Amino acid sequence: MTLAEETTTSPIILTQPAAEAIRGIMTEKNLAGYALRLYISGGGCSGYQYGLALDHRIRPEDTAIETDGIKLIVDEVSIQYLQGATVDYVVDEKESGFKIINPNPITSCSCNQSQDSGDESGNSCAGCG
C-alpha cells in the first residue's frame, strides 16, 4: 500500500457547522493563521470541563488536525481524554454555541464510582456523599 492509499482516523472530529463558525469568527476578528485549541481544564463528579481558544502558537507536542480548512490543536495531556470526541456548533431555540461530544468515560468520583454508573434516576456518583 502506498502512502496515498493509507487512511487515517482523526482522533477528534470537527463538524462542518463548527468549522464554519470558527471560520466566521476568525474572519471577523482578522485572525489568519490561527487554529482552534481544544483542551481539558478539569474533571470530577460533574465531568470534564472543556476549553476552547483561538491560538497561533502550535507546539511540537500538540496534535494538529485539519478539517475543512480549519486547524484544531490539542495538547499532549488533553488528547488522551479526547480521543473520538466531536466538536460541534449548535444553534436552536434553547442554545447556541460549541458543544463537545465525548464518548470517553467521565472521570470517577472520590468514591471510585464512574459518573456514568449513577442510579436509575440518572443521578451520577450515586455512592458519593
N, C-alpha and C. Protein backbone atom coordinates (compact mmCIF):
# COMPACT_ATOMS: atom_id res chain seq x y z
N MET A 1 0.85 -1.17 0.00
CA MET A 1 0.00 0.00 0.00
C MET A 1 0.90 1.24 0.00
N THR A 2 0.58 2.18 -0.85
CA THR A 2 1.36 3.41 -0.89
C THR A 2 0.85 4.38 0.17
N LEU A 3 1.64 5.38 0.45
CA LEU A 3 1.28 6.39 1.44
C LEU A 3 -0.04 7.06 1.07
N ALA A 4 -0.28 7.30 -0.20
CA ALA A 4 -1.51 7.96 -0.64
C ALA A 4 -2.73 7.08 -0.38
N GLU A 5 -2.54 5.76 -0.34
CA GLU A 5 -3.67 4.85 -0.12
C GLU A 5 -3.99 4.66 1.35
N GLU A 6 -3.09 5.02 2.22
CA GLU A 6 -3.33 4.85 3.65
C GLU A 6 -4.43 5.80 4.11
N THR A 7 -5.26 5.29 5.00
CA THR A 7 -6.28 6.15 5.57
C THR A 7 -6.00 6.27 7.06
N THR A 8 -6.20 7.44 7.58
CA THR A 8 -6.00 7.65 8.99
C THR A 8 -7.31 8.12 9.60
N THR A 9 -7.53 7.73 10.82
CA THR A 9 -8.72 8.15 11.54
C THR A 9 -8.34 9.32 12.42
N SER A 10 -9.09 10.38 12.31
CA SER A 10 -8.82 11.57 13.10
C SER A 10 -9.19 11.29 14.55
N PRO A 11 -8.32 11.65 15.49
CA PRO A 11 -8.64 11.41 16.90
C PRO A 11 -9.79 12.27 17.40
N ILE A 12 -10.06 13.40 16.73
CA ILE A 12 -11.16 14.29 17.10
C ILE A 12 -11.83 14.75 15.81
N ILE A 13 -13.15 14.81 15.84
CA ILE A 13 -13.91 15.20 14.67
C ILE A 13 -14.40 16.64 14.84
N LEU A 14 -14.22 17.44 13.83
CA LEU A 14 -14.71 18.80 13.79
C LEU A 14 -15.83 18.82 12.75
N THR A 15 -17.07 19.09 13.18
CA THR A 15 -18.19 19.07 12.25
C THR A 15 -18.14 20.28 11.32
N GLN A 16 -18.86 20.18 10.20
CA GLN A 16 -18.90 21.30 9.25
C GLN A 16 -19.50 22.55 9.90
N PRO A 17 -20.60 22.46 10.69
CA PRO A 17 -21.10 23.68 11.35
C PRO A 17 -20.06 24.31 12.28
N ALA A 18 -19.27 23.49 12.97
CA ALA A 18 -18.23 24.03 13.85
C ALA A 18 -17.15 24.71 13.02
N ALA A 19 -16.74 24.08 11.93
CA ALA A 19 -15.71 24.67 11.06
C ALA A 19 -16.19 26.00 10.50
N GLU A 20 -17.44 26.07 10.08
CA GLU A 20 -17.99 27.31 9.53
C GLU A 20 -18.04 28.40 10.60
N ALA A 21 -18.43 28.05 11.83
CA ALA A 21 -18.49 29.03 12.92
C ALA A 21 -17.09 29.56 13.24
N ILE A 22 -16.11 28.68 13.29
CA ILE A 22 -14.74 29.08 13.58
C ILE A 22 -14.21 29.98 12.46
N ARG A 23 -14.47 29.58 11.23
CA ARG A 23 -14.02 30.38 10.08
C ARG A 23 -14.64 31.78 10.15
N GLY A 24 -15.91 31.87 10.50
CA GLY A 24 -16.58 33.16 10.62
C GLY A 24 -15.95 34.03 11.71
N ILE A 25 -15.66 33.43 12.85
CA ILE A 25 -15.03 34.18 13.96
C ILE A 25 -13.65 34.67 13.55
N MET A 26 -12.87 33.78 12.93
CA MET A 26 -11.51 34.17 12.53
C MET A 26 -11.52 35.25 11.46
N THR A 27 -12.48 35.19 10.55
CA THR A 27 -12.59 36.22 9.52
C THR A 27 -12.99 37.55 10.15
N GLU A 28 -14.00 37.50 11.03
CA GLU A 28 -14.48 38.72 11.70
C GLU A 28 -13.38 39.39 12.51
N LYS A 29 -12.55 38.59 13.17
CA LYS A 29 -11.50 39.14 14.04
C LYS A 29 -10.15 39.25 13.33
N ASN A 30 -10.12 38.94 12.02
CA ASN A 30 -8.90 39.02 11.22
C ASN A 30 -7.77 38.20 11.84
N LEU A 31 -8.04 36.92 12.08
CA LEU A 31 -7.08 36.03 12.73
C LEU A 31 -6.55 34.97 11.77
N ALA A 32 -6.07 35.39 10.64
CA ALA A 32 -5.47 34.46 9.68
C ALA A 32 -4.30 33.75 10.34
N GLY A 33 -4.16 32.46 10.08
CA GLY A 33 -3.05 31.70 10.64
C GLY A 33 -3.31 31.14 12.03
N TYR A 34 -4.48 31.40 12.59
CA TYR A 34 -4.81 30.89 13.92
C TYR A 34 -5.47 29.52 13.79
N ALA A 35 -5.50 28.80 14.90
CA ALA A 35 -6.14 27.50 14.98
C ALA A 35 -7.05 27.49 16.20
N LEU A 36 -7.95 26.53 16.25
CA LEU A 36 -8.80 26.36 17.42
C LEU A 36 -8.10 25.38 18.35
N ARG A 37 -7.81 25.81 19.57
CA ARG A 37 -7.21 24.94 20.57
C ARG A 37 -8.33 24.40 21.46
N LEU A 38 -8.37 23.08 21.61
CA LEU A 38 -9.32 22.38 22.47
C LEU A 38 -8.53 21.74 23.59
N TYR A 39 -9.01 21.91 24.83
CA TYR A 39 -8.27 21.32 25.96
C TYR A 39 -9.22 20.96 27.09
N ILE A 40 -8.74 20.07 27.94
CA ILE A 40 -9.45 19.69 29.16
C ILE A 40 -8.94 20.62 30.25
N SER A 41 -9.87 21.24 30.98
CA SER A 41 -9.42 22.16 32.03
C SER A 41 -9.84 21.69 33.42
N GLY A 42 -10.41 20.51 33.54
CA GLY A 42 -10.79 19.99 34.84
C GLY A 42 -11.66 18.76 34.67
N GLY A 43 -12.01 18.17 35.79
CA GLY A 43 -12.86 16.98 35.78
C GLY A 43 -13.38 16.74 37.17
N GLY A 44 -13.98 15.61 37.38
CA GLY A 44 -14.55 15.27 38.68
C GLY A 44 -15.95 14.75 38.50
N CYS A 45 -16.75 14.82 39.56
CA CYS A 45 -18.11 14.27 39.52
C CYS A 45 -18.97 14.95 38.46
N SER A 46 -18.70 16.20 38.14
CA SER A 46 -19.52 16.88 37.14
C SER A 46 -19.03 16.64 35.72
N GLY A 47 -17.99 15.86 35.56
CA GLY A 47 -17.47 15.54 34.23
C GLY A 47 -16.35 16.46 33.82
N TYR A 48 -15.89 16.25 32.59
CA TYR A 48 -14.80 17.06 32.06
C TYR A 48 -15.25 18.50 31.86
N GLN A 49 -14.35 19.41 32.06
CA GLN A 49 -14.54 20.81 31.71
C GLN A 49 -13.67 21.06 30.50
N TYR A 50 -14.25 21.65 29.47
CA TYR A 50 -13.53 21.87 28.22
C TYR A 50 -13.22 23.34 28.03
N GLY A 51 -12.14 23.60 27.35
CA GLY A 51 -11.78 24.96 26.98
C GLY A 51 -11.53 25.03 25.49
N LEU A 52 -11.91 26.15 24.91
CA LEU A 52 -11.66 26.43 23.50
C LEU A 52 -11.02 27.81 23.40
N ALA A 53 -10.02 27.94 22.57
CA ALA A 53 -9.36 29.23 22.38
C ALA A 53 -8.79 29.30 20.97
N LEU A 54 -8.75 30.48 20.42
CA LEU A 54 -8.07 30.68 19.15
C LEU A 54 -6.61 30.95 19.47
N ASP A 55 -5.73 30.21 18.83
CA ASP A 55 -4.31 30.24 19.19
C ASP A 55 -3.46 30.19 17.92
N HIS A 56 -2.38 30.92 17.90
CA HIS A 56 -1.46 30.86 16.76
C HIS A 56 -0.14 30.17 17.11
N ARG A 57 -0.03 29.71 18.35
CA ARG A 57 1.20 29.03 18.78
C ARG A 57 0.96 27.52 18.82
N ILE A 58 1.51 26.83 17.87
CA ILE A 58 1.39 25.38 17.83
C ILE A 58 2.73 24.80 18.25
N ARG A 59 2.69 24.02 19.33
CA ARG A 59 3.92 23.42 19.87
C ARG A 59 4.18 22.07 19.22
N PRO A 60 5.41 21.63 19.19
CA PRO A 60 5.72 20.33 18.57
C PRO A 60 4.96 19.17 19.21
N GLU A 61 4.65 19.26 20.49
CA GLU A 61 3.96 18.16 21.17
C GLU A 61 2.44 18.21 21.02
N ASP A 62 1.91 19.26 20.38
CA ASP A 62 0.47 19.35 20.11
C ASP A 62 0.07 18.38 19.00
N THR A 63 -1.16 17.90 19.07
CA THR A 63 -1.74 17.16 17.97
C THR A 63 -2.51 18.17 17.14
N ALA A 64 -2.24 18.21 15.85
CA ALA A 64 -2.92 19.14 14.95
C ALA A 64 -3.75 18.34 13.95
N ILE A 65 -5.01 18.74 13.83
CA ILE A 65 -5.95 18.07 12.93
C ILE A 65 -6.53 19.16 12.04
N GLU A 66 -6.50 18.95 10.73
CA GLU A 66 -7.07 19.94 9.83
C GLU A 66 -8.33 19.37 9.19
N THR A 67 -9.42 20.11 9.31
CA THR A 67 -10.71 19.72 8.75
C THR A 67 -11.34 20.92 8.08
N ASP A 68 -11.70 20.77 6.84
CA ASP A 68 -12.42 21.81 6.11
C ASP A 68 -11.70 23.16 6.20
N GLY A 69 -10.36 23.13 6.15
CA GLY A 69 -9.57 24.35 6.19
C GLY A 69 -9.35 24.94 7.57
N ILE A 70 -9.84 24.28 8.60
CA ILE A 70 -9.67 24.75 9.98
C ILE A 70 -8.72 23.81 10.69
N LYS A 71 -7.72 24.38 11.36
CA LYS A 71 -6.78 23.58 12.13
C LYS A 71 -7.26 23.53 13.58
N LEU A 72 -7.36 22.31 14.11
CA LEU A 72 -7.72 22.07 15.51
C LEU A 72 -6.48 21.53 16.19
N ILE A 73 -6.09 22.13 17.32
CA ILE A 73 -4.90 21.67 18.03
C ILE A 73 -5.28 21.27 19.46
N VAL A 74 -4.61 20.22 19.93
CA VAL A 74 -4.87 19.67 21.26
C VAL A 74 -3.54 19.35 21.91
N ASP A 75 -3.38 19.75 23.17
CA ASP A 75 -2.12 19.48 23.87
C ASP A 75 -1.96 18.00 24.18
N GLU A 76 -0.75 17.63 24.54
CA GLU A 76 -0.40 16.23 24.74
C GLU A 76 -1.12 15.56 25.91
N VAL A 77 -1.57 16.30 26.89
CA VAL A 77 -2.30 15.73 28.02
C VAL A 77 -3.78 15.57 27.67
N SER A 78 -4.37 16.60 27.11
CA SER A 78 -5.80 16.59 26.79
C SER A 78 -6.17 15.56 25.74
N ILE A 79 -5.27 15.31 24.77
CA ILE A 79 -5.61 14.40 23.68
C ILE A 79 -5.98 13.01 24.18
N GLN A 80 -5.37 12.57 25.28
CA GLN A 80 -5.68 11.23 25.78
C GLN A 80 -7.11 11.12 26.30
N TYR A 81 -7.71 12.24 26.70
CA TYR A 81 -9.08 12.25 27.20
C TYR A 81 -10.09 12.59 26.11
N LEU A 82 -9.61 13.01 24.95
CA LEU A 82 -10.49 13.49 23.90
C LEU A 82 -10.53 12.59 22.67
N GLN A 83 -9.87 11.44 22.71
CA GLN A 83 -9.88 10.53 21.57
C GLN A 83 -11.32 10.17 21.20
N GLY A 84 -11.68 10.40 19.96
CA GLY A 84 -13.01 10.07 19.48
C GLY A 84 -14.06 11.14 19.72
N ALA A 85 -13.67 12.26 20.32
CA ALA A 85 -14.63 13.34 20.61
C ALA A 85 -15.00 14.09 19.33
N THR A 86 -16.13 14.76 19.39
CA THR A 86 -16.61 15.58 18.28
C THR A 86 -16.82 17.00 18.77
N VAL A 87 -16.32 17.97 18.00
CA VAL A 87 -16.56 19.38 18.27
C VAL A 87 -17.65 19.81 17.29
N ASP A 88 -18.78 20.27 17.83
CA ASP A 88 -19.91 20.66 17.00
C ASP A 88 -20.30 22.10 17.34
N TYR A 89 -21.08 22.70 16.49
CA TYR A 89 -21.64 24.02 16.76
C TYR A 89 -23.15 23.88 16.62
N VAL A 90 -23.87 24.22 17.68
CA VAL A 90 -25.31 24.01 17.75
C VAL A 90 -26.02 25.35 17.82
N VAL A 91 -27.07 25.49 17.04
CA VAL A 91 -27.94 26.66 17.12
C VAL A 91 -29.37 26.15 17.11
N ASP A 92 -30.08 26.38 18.20
CA ASP A 92 -31.50 26.07 18.26
C ASP A 92 -32.17 27.04 19.22
N GLU A 93 -33.45 26.83 19.49
CA GLU A 93 -34.16 27.79 20.35
C GLU A 93 -33.69 27.77 21.80
N LYS A 94 -33.01 26.73 22.23
CA LYS A 94 -32.55 26.62 23.61
C LYS A 94 -31.12 27.09 23.81
N GLU A 95 -30.29 26.91 22.80
CA GLU A 95 -28.87 27.21 22.97
C GLU A 95 -28.19 27.48 21.64
N SER A 96 -27.06 28.13 21.72
CA SER A 96 -26.19 28.25 20.56
C SER A 96 -24.77 28.30 21.08
N GLY A 97 -23.90 27.62 20.39
CA GLY A 97 -22.51 27.62 20.78
C GLY A 97 -21.85 26.29 20.47
N PHE A 98 -20.61 26.20 20.84
CA PHE A 98 -19.84 24.99 20.61
C PHE A 98 -20.23 23.92 21.63
N LYS A 99 -20.27 22.70 21.16
CA LYS A 99 -20.62 21.57 22.01
C LYS A 99 -19.60 20.46 21.78
N ILE A 100 -19.06 19.94 22.86
CA ILE A 100 -18.10 18.84 22.78
C ILE A 100 -18.85 17.56 23.13
N ILE A 101 -18.83 16.60 22.24
CA ILE A 101 -19.45 15.31 22.46
C ILE A 101 -18.31 14.32 22.65
N ASN A 102 -18.16 13.83 23.87
CA ASN A 102 -17.02 13.00 24.21
C ASN A 102 -17.50 11.60 24.60
N PRO A 103 -17.13 10.58 23.83
CA PRO A 103 -17.58 9.21 24.13
C PRO A 103 -16.79 8.53 25.24
N ASN A 104 -15.77 9.19 25.74
CA ASN A 104 -14.91 8.57 26.75
C ASN A 104 -15.59 8.58 28.10
N PRO A 105 -15.26 7.60 28.94
CA PRO A 105 -15.84 7.57 30.28
C PRO A 105 -15.49 8.85 31.03
N ILE A 106 -16.44 9.30 31.79
CA ILE A 106 -16.23 10.51 32.58
C ILE A 106 -15.41 10.13 33.80
N THR A 107 -14.65 11.09 34.30
CA THR A 107 -13.76 10.83 35.43
C THR A 107 -14.53 10.26 36.61
N SER A 108 -13.84 9.55 37.47
CA SER A 108 -14.52 8.96 38.61
C SER A 108 -14.54 9.90 39.79
N CYS A 109 -15.48 9.62 40.65
CA CYS A 109 -15.64 10.40 41.88
C CYS A 109 -14.63 9.92 42.91
N SER A 110 -14.56 10.63 44.01
CA SER A 110 -13.65 10.22 45.07
C SER A 110 -14.08 8.88 45.66
N CYS A 111 -15.35 8.49 45.43
CA CYS A 111 -15.84 7.21 45.93
C CYS A 111 -15.50 6.08 44.96
N ASN A 112 -14.78 6.41 43.87
CA ASN A 112 -14.34 5.46 42.86
C ASN A 112 -15.46 4.90 42.00
N GLN A 113 -16.62 5.55 41.96
CA GLN A 113 -17.67 5.16 41.04
C GLN A 113 -17.59 6.07 39.84
N SER A 114 -17.70 5.50 38.66
CA SER A 114 -17.72 6.31 37.46
C SER A 114 -19.01 7.11 37.43
N GLN A 115 -18.94 8.32 36.90
CA GLN A 115 -20.14 9.15 36.86
C GLN A 115 -21.24 8.47 36.07
N ASP A 116 -20.89 7.72 35.05
CA ASP A 116 -21.93 7.11 34.23
C ASP A 116 -22.51 5.85 34.87
N SER A 117 -22.15 5.56 36.13
CA SER A 117 -22.74 4.42 36.82
C SER A 117 -23.73 4.88 37.87
N GLY A 118 -24.40 5.98 37.59
CA GLY A 118 -25.38 6.52 38.53
C GLY A 118 -26.58 5.61 38.68
N ASP A 119 -27.48 5.96 39.61
CA ASP A 119 -28.67 5.15 39.85
C ASP A 119 -29.70 5.32 38.74
N GLU A 120 -30.82 4.60 38.85
CA GLU A 120 -31.83 4.61 37.81
C GLU A 120 -32.45 5.98 37.58
N SER A 121 -32.42 6.86 38.56
CA SER A 121 -32.99 8.19 38.40
C SER A 121 -32.10 9.08 37.56
N GLY A 122 -30.92 8.57 37.18
CA GLY A 122 -30.00 9.35 36.37
C GLY A 122 -29.01 10.14 37.21
N ASN A 123 -29.09 10.02 38.53
CA ASN A 123 -28.13 10.73 39.38
C ASN A 123 -26.76 10.13 39.19
N SER A 124 -25.79 10.98 39.04
CA SER A 124 -24.43 10.48 38.88
C SER A 124 -23.76 10.42 40.24
N CYS A 125 -22.72 9.65 40.32
CA CYS A 125 -21.97 9.49 41.57
C CYS A 125 -22.90 9.12 42.71
N ALA A 126 -23.77 8.16 42.47
CA ALA A 126 -24.79 7.78 43.44
C ALA A 126 -24.20 7.36 44.78
N GLY A 127 -22.96 6.86 44.76
CA GLY A 127 -22.37 6.40 46.00
C GLY A 127 -21.62 7.48 46.77
N CYS A 128 -21.48 8.67 46.21
CA CYS A 128 -20.74 9.72 46.86
C CYS A 128 -21.63 10.42 47.89
N GLY A 129 -20.97 11.04 48.83
CA GLY A 129 -21.71 11.88 49.77
C GLY A 129 -21.97 11.19 50.99
